[in-house]
Amino acid sequence: MIKKPGVWLALLATLLLSACGYTKISRITSDPSRYRNKTVHVEGRVTNSFGALFAGGYQVQDDSGKIFVISNRGVPSSGSSVTVSGTVMNGITVMGRSFGTAIQERNHHVK
């Protein structure tokens, strides 16, 4: 058992920081059932966006892939650098391959 408080604090800080990290988009799209109905945090650049008033969607790309984000809070413009938090939704699965995986946005932040 570890008896020094400094070691416990360092361990706790490491666990908290790793829990707050961003998920690579390719990890979500390659195994969407692992992330289904779970909150994820991604960051990247908006490549496409569409919407009217406060609803719509946009596509985010990081260095590993792209994913669509469904938003009820407004849509950032194409080319924006964003961080997104939301819940993963799966689309249709055909022969073990998932089509239409997306994130239902809880919030986003334009950098």
Protein backbone atom coordinates (compact mmCIF):
# COMPACT_ATOMS: atom_id res chain seq x y z
CA MET A 1 0.00 0.00 0.00
CA ILE A 2 1.22 3.50 -0.82
CA LYS A 3 1.61 5.60 2.32
CA LYS A 4 2.80 8.93 0.95
CA PRO A 5 0.04 11.49 0.22
CA GLY A 6 2.05 13.02 -2.64
CA VAL A 7 1.98 9.74 -4.54
CA TRP A 8 -1.79 9.45 -4.05
CA LEU A 9 -2.31 13.00 -5.30
CA ALA A 10 -0.16 12.38 -8.38
CA LEU A 11 -2.09 9.18 -9.14
CA LEU A 12 -5.43 10.93 -8.70
CA ALA A 13 -4.39 13.83 -10.94
CA THR A 14 -3.28 11.41 -13.66
CA LEU A 15 -6.60 9.58 -13.55
CA LEU A 16 -8.62 12.81 -13.70
CA LEU A 17 -6.62 14.21 -16.61
CA SER A 18 -6.89 11.00 -18.61
CA ALA A 19 -10.67 10.96 -18.06
CA CYS A 20 -11.01 14.50 -19.47
CA GLY A 21 -9.07 13.85 -22.67
CA TYR A 22 -10.36 13.92 -26.22
CA THR A 23 -11.31 10.77 -28.09
CA LYS A 24 -9.93 10.31 -31.60
CA ILE A 25 -12.75 10.23 -34.13
CA SER A 26 -11.41 7.03 -35.72
CA ARG A 27 -11.79 5.23 -32.38
CA ILE A 28 -15.49 6.14 -32.33
CA THR A 29 -16.19 5.29 -35.97
CA SER A 30 -14.21 2.02 -35.95
CA ASP A 31 -16.05 0.66 -32.88
CA PRO A 32 -19.26 2.68 -32.46
CA SER A 33 -20.99 0.08 -30.26
CA ARG A 34 -18.30 0.66 -27.61
CA TYR A 35 -19.24 4.37 -27.46
CA ARG A 36 -23.01 4.13 -28.10
CA ASN A 37 -24.98 6.25 -25.61
CA LYS A 38 -21.75 7.39 -23.92
CA THR A 39 -20.47 10.94 -23.66
CA VAL A 40 -17.37 11.68 -25.72
CA HIS A 41 -15.23 14.74 -26.26
CA VAL A 42 -13.69 15.37 -29.69
CA GLU A 43 -11.80 18.25 -31.21
CA GLY A 44 -11.10 19.17 -34.79
CA ARG A 45 -11.99 21.40 -37.68
CA VAL A 46 -15.51 21.84 -39.11
CA THR A 47 -15.47 20.64 -42.73
CA ASN A 48 -19.18 20.95 -43.56
CA SER A 49 -22.07 22.63 -41.80
CA PHE A 50 -25.78 23.08 -42.44
CA GLY A 51 -28.63 24.42 -40.42
CA ALA A 52 -31.43 26.85 -39.90
CA LEU A 53 -31.76 29.11 -36.88
CA PHE A 54 -30.56 27.05 -33.89
CA ALA A 55 -30.65 23.51 -35.28
CA GLY A 56 -28.62 21.61 -37.82
CA GLY A 57 -25.50 19.58 -38.13
CA TYR A 58 -21.85 19.75 -39.01
CA GLN A 59 -18.97 17.45 -39.76
CA VAL A 60 -15.82 17.52 -37.61
CA GLN A 61 -12.48 16.21 -38.82
CA ASP A 62 -9.41 15.45 -36.73
CA ASP A 63 -6.18 13.80 -37.87
CA SER A 64 -7.83 10.37 -37.70
CA GLY A 65 -11.22 10.80 -39.42
CA LYS A 66 -14.56 12.59 -39.70
CA ILE A 67 -17.86 12.39 -37.84
CA PHE A 68 -21.19 14.20 -38.05
CA VAL A 69 -22.50 16.20 -35.12
CA ILE A 70 -26.22 16.90 -34.66
CA SER A 71 -26.86 20.21 -32.89
CA ASN A 72 -29.82 22.01 -31.35
CA ARG A 73 -27.61 24.90 -30.18
CA GLY A 74 -26.48 26.47 -33.42
CA VAL A 75 -23.88 25.36 -35.91
CA PRO A 76 -20.28 26.60 -36.17
CA SER A 77 -19.15 27.72 -39.61
CA SER A 78 -16.99 25.63 -41.93
CA GLY A 79 -13.29 26.01 -41.18
CA SER A 80 -13.83 26.67 -37.45
CA SER A 81 -11.72 24.82 -34.92
CA VAL A 82 -14.04 23.28 -32.31
CA THR A 83 -14.27 21.06 -29.28
CA VAL A 84 -17.47 19.04 -28.98
CA SER A 85 -19.05 17.10 -26.12
CA GLY A 86 -21.97 14.82 -26.79
CA THR A 87 -23.49 11.36 -26.93
CA VAL A 88 -22.63 8.86 -29.65
CA MET A 89 -25.55 7.60 -31.74
CA ASN A 90 -25.27 4.64 -34.11
CA GLY A 91 -26.92 4.45 -37.47
CA ILE A 92 -27.63 1.33 -39.45
CA THR A 93 -25.29 -1.69 -39.37
CA VAL A 94 -24.88 -3.82 -42.50
CA MET A 95 -22.70 -6.94 -42.45
CA GLY A 96 -20.91 -5.78 -39.31
CA ARG A 97 -20.14 -2.31 -40.69
CA SER A 98 -21.80 0.73 -39.16
CA PHE A 99 -23.07 3.57 -41.32
CA GLY A 100 -24.17 6.90 -39.99
CA THR A 101 -22.44 7.10 -36.62
CA ALA A 102 -22.91 10.62 -35.23
CA ILE A 103 -22.64 12.65 -32.05
CA GLN A 104 -25.71 14.29 -30.50
CA GLU A 105 -24.12 17.48 -29.23
CA ARG A 106 -24.45 18.61 -25.63
CA ASN A 107 -22.25 21.61 -26.26
CA HIS A 108 -19.45 22.88 -28.45
CA HIS A 109 -16.80 25.53 -28.13
CA VAL A 110 -15.24 27.38 -31.04
CA LYS A 111 -11.55 27.98 -30.44
